[in-house]
C-alpha atoms as a PDB file:
ATOM      1  CA  MET A   1      98.902  96.577  89.396  1.00  0.00           C
ATOM      2  CA  GLU A   2      99.124  98.462  92.830  1.00  0.00           C
ATOM      3  CA  SER A   3     102.340  99.723  93.914  1.00  0.00           C
ATOM      4  CA  GLY A   4     102.604  98.437  97.855  1.00  0.00           C
ATOM      5  CA  ARG A   5     102.980 102.227  98.385  1.00  0.00           C
ATOM      6  CA  TYR A   6     100.980 104.725  99.686  1.00  0.00           C
ATOM      7  CA  TRP A   7     100.527 108.223 101.997  1.00  0.00           C
ATOM      8  CA  VAL A   8      99.487 108.508 105.334  1.00  0.00           C
ATOM      9  CA  ILE A   9      98.696 112.260 106.261  1.00  0.00           C
ATOM     10  CA  MET A  10      97.632 113.004 109.872  1.00  0.00           C
ATOM     11  CA  LYS A  11      95.719 115.552 111.268  1.00  0.00           C
ATOM     12  CA  SER A  12      98.295 117.221 112.580  1.00  0.00           C
ATOM     13  CA  GLY A  13      99.699 118.001 109.239  1.00  0.00           C
ATOM     14  CA  ARG A  14     102.614 115.412 109.203  1.00  0.00           C
ATOM     15  CA  LYS A  15     102.995 113.181 106.217  1.00  0.00           C
ATOM     16  CA  PHE A  16     103.983 109.663 106.018  1.00  0.00           C
ATOM     17  CA  MET A  17     105.003 107.436 102.853  1.00  0.00           C
ATOM     18  CA  VAL A  18     104.808 103.792 103.460  1.00  0.00           C
ATOM     19  CA  GLU A  19     106.298 100.998 101.288  1.00  0.00           C
ATOM     20  CA  GLU A  20     105.217  97.163 101.835  1.00  0.00           C
ATOM     21  CA  TRP A  21     108.566  95.287 100.901  1.00  0.00           C
ATOM     22  CA  GLY A  22     108.697  92.126  99.772  1.00  0.00           C
ATOM     23  CA  THR A  23     107.024  89.612  97.208  1.00  0.00           C
ATOM     24  CA  ASN A  24     103.553  89.471  96.569  1.00  0.00           C
ATOM     25  CA  HIS A  25     102.074  88.465  99.854  1.00  0.00           C
ATOM     26  CA  THR A  26      98.516  89.945  99.974  1.00  0.00           C
ATOM     27  CA  GLN A  27      95.835  87.499 100.107  1.00  0.00           C
ATOM     28  CA  TRP A  28      92.023  87.423 100.746  1.00  0.00           C
ATOM     29  CA  GLY A  29      89.354  85.154 100.337  1.00  0.00           C
ATOM     30  CA  ASP A  30      85.990  83.681 102.073  1.00  0.00           C
ATOM     31  CA  ILE A  31      86.242  82.318 105.416  1.00  0.00           C
ATOM     32  CA  ASP A  32      83.883  79.217 105.848  1.00  0.00           C
ATOM     33  CA  PRO A  33      81.845  80.173 109.027  1.00  0.00           C
ATOM     34  CA  ALA A  34      81.861  76.281 109.960  1.00  0.00           C
ATOM     35  CA  THR A  35      85.369  75.290 109.503  1.00  0.00           C
ATOM     36  CA  LYS A  36      87.151  78.981 110.175  1.00  0.00           C
ATOM     37  CA  LYS A  37      89.293  77.986 106.988  1.00  0.00           C
ATOM     38  CA  LEU A  38      90.049  80.534 103.937  1.00  0.00           C
ATOM     39  CA  ASN A  39      88.509  79.491 100.731  1.00  0.00           C
ATOM     40  CA  LYS A  40      88.848  80.767  97.608  1.00  0.00           C
ATOM     41  CA  ILE A  41      92.196  82.365  98.112  1.00  0.00           C
ATOM     42  CA  ARG A  42      93.388  85.084  95.585  1.00  0.00           C
ATOM     43  CA  VAL A  43      96.937  87.060  95.700  1.00  0.00           C
ATOM     44  CA  LYS A  44      96.526  90.685  95.017  1.00  0.00           C
ATOM     45  CA  ASP A  45      98.964  91.903  92.180  1.00  0.00           C
ATOM     46  CA  VAL A  46     101.364  94.007  93.613  1.00  0.00           C
ATOM     47  CA  GLU A  47     104.410  95.687  92.518  1.00  0.00           C
ATOM     48  CA  GLU A  48     107.934  94.196  94.552  1.00  0.00           C
ATOM     49  CA  ILE A  49     109.317  97.094  96.370  1.00  0.00           C
ATOM     50  CA  ASP A  50     113.011  96.610  97.181  1.00  0.00           C
ATOM     51  CA  GLU A  51     116.378  98.852  97.563  1.00  0.00           C
ATOM     52  CA  ASP A  52     116.351  99.122  93.804  1.00  0.00           C
ATOM     53  CA  ASN A  53     112.984 101.070  93.594  1.00  0.00           C
ATOM     54  CA  THR A  54     112.234 102.330  96.661  1.00  0.00           C
ATOM     55  CA  MET A  55     110.970 106.018  96.536  1.00  0.00           C
ATOM     56  CA  ILE A  56     111.943 106.466 100.277  1.00  0.00           C
ATOM     57  CA  THR A  57     115.359 107.730  99.990  1.00  0.00           C
ATOM     58  CA  LYS A  58     117.350 110.833 101.473  1.00  0.00           C
ATOM     59  CA  GLU A  59     118.131 112.013  97.799  1.00  0.00           C
ATOM     60  CA  ASN A  60     114.126 112.360  97.516  1.00  0.00           C
ATOM     61  CA  GLY A  61     114.105 114.113 100.877  1.00  0.00           C
ATOM     62  CA  PHE A  62     112.973 111.816 103.073  1.00  0.00           C
ATOM     63  CA  LYS A  63     114.391 111.880 106.858  1.00  0.00           C
ATOM     64  CA  ASN A  64     113.896 109.432 109.833  1.00  0.00           C
ATOM     65  CA  ILE A  65     113.427 106.294 107.305  1.00  0.00           C
ATOM     66  CA  CYS A  66     112.875 103.255 109.324  1.00  0.00           C
ATOM     67  CA  PHE A  67     111.862  99.539 108.550  1.00  0.00           C
ATOM     68  CA  LEU A  68     109.354  97.920 110.830  1.00  0.00           C
ATOM     69  CA  LYS A  69     109.516  94.417 112.200  1.00  0.00           C
ATOM     70  CA  PRO A  70     107.185  91.837 110.276  1.00  0.00           C
ATOM     71  CA  GLY A  71     103.828  92.128 112.208  1.00  0.00           C
ATOM     72  CA  THR A  72     104.107  95.675 113.188  1.00  0.00           C
ATOM     73  CA  SER A  73     101.375  97.995 111.962  1.00  0.00           C
ATOM     74  CA  PRO A  74     102.699 100.941 110.043  1.00  0.00           C
ATOM     75  CA  ILE A  75      99.436 102.688 110.723  1.00  0.00           C
ATOM     76  CA  GLY A  76      99.492 101.702 114.563  1.00  0.00           C
ATOM     77  CA  PHE A  77     103.438 102.710 114.572  1.00  0.00           C
ATOM     78  CA  ILE A  78     102.654 106.464 112.586  1.00  0.00           C
ATOM     79  CA  ASP A  79      99.964 107.024 115.269  1.00  0.00           C
ATOM     80  CA  ALA A  80     101.873 106.351 118.025  1.00  0.00           C
ATOM     81  CA  LEU A  81     104.863 108.722 116.664  1.00  0.00           C
ATOM     82  CA  ASP A  82     102.284 111.518 115.789  1.00  0.00           C
ATOM     83  CA  ASP A  83     100.798 111.327 118.954  1.00  0.00           C
ATOM     84  CA  SER A  84     104.251 111.752 120.467  1.00  0.00           C
ATOM     85  CA  GLY A  85     105.514 114.824 118.643  1.00  0.00           C
ATOM     86  CA  LEU A  86     108.711 113.245 118.318  1.00  0.00           C
ATOM     87  CA  GLU A  87     110.617 112.885 115.232  1.00  0.00           C
ATOM     88  CA  ARG A  88     111.528 109.306 115.981  1.00  0.00           C
ATOM     89  CA  ILE A  89     110.622 106.570 118.401  1.00  0.00           C
ATOM     90  CA  GLU A  90     113.278 104.132 119.445  1.00  0.00           C
ATOM     91  CA  ASN A  91     111.920 100.262 120.370  1.00  0.00           C
ATOM     92  CA  GLU A  92     112.562  96.748 119.480  1.00  0.00           C
ATOM     93  CA  PHE A  93     109.853  97.120 116.467  1.00  0.00           C
ATOM     94  CA  VAL A  94     111.828  99.693 114.423  1.00  0.00           C
ATOM     95  CA  GLU A  95     115.273 100.138 112.838  1.00  0.00           C
ATOM     96  CA  TYR A  96     116.300 103.312 111.543  1.00  0.00           C
ATOM     97  CA  ILE A  97     118.593 103.182 108.623  1.00  0.00           C
ATOM     98  CA  ASP A  98     119.669 106.813 107.879  1.00  0.00           C
ATOM     99  CA  ASN A  99     121.274 107.696 111.450  1.00  0.00           C
END
């Protein structure tokens, strides 16, 4: 079983932990080239992460803890954050919970 959490380590040396919260939602399969429909759908067995089992907490030494809006790429957000050199990027796609 996968955990749904992973580390992203940038060339700058900054480290970010990502946790995918919610129910098992990762699906994959074969796309029929004629109909463009997904066949043979399978769901990955991923541990559900929520506030009860998150590892990203102030107590564990994390800061600038945030949630990204659905559809926002964690890697894209991390790239933008790292490129900016800032601790936080304030926009409509992110909600910081450790004000």
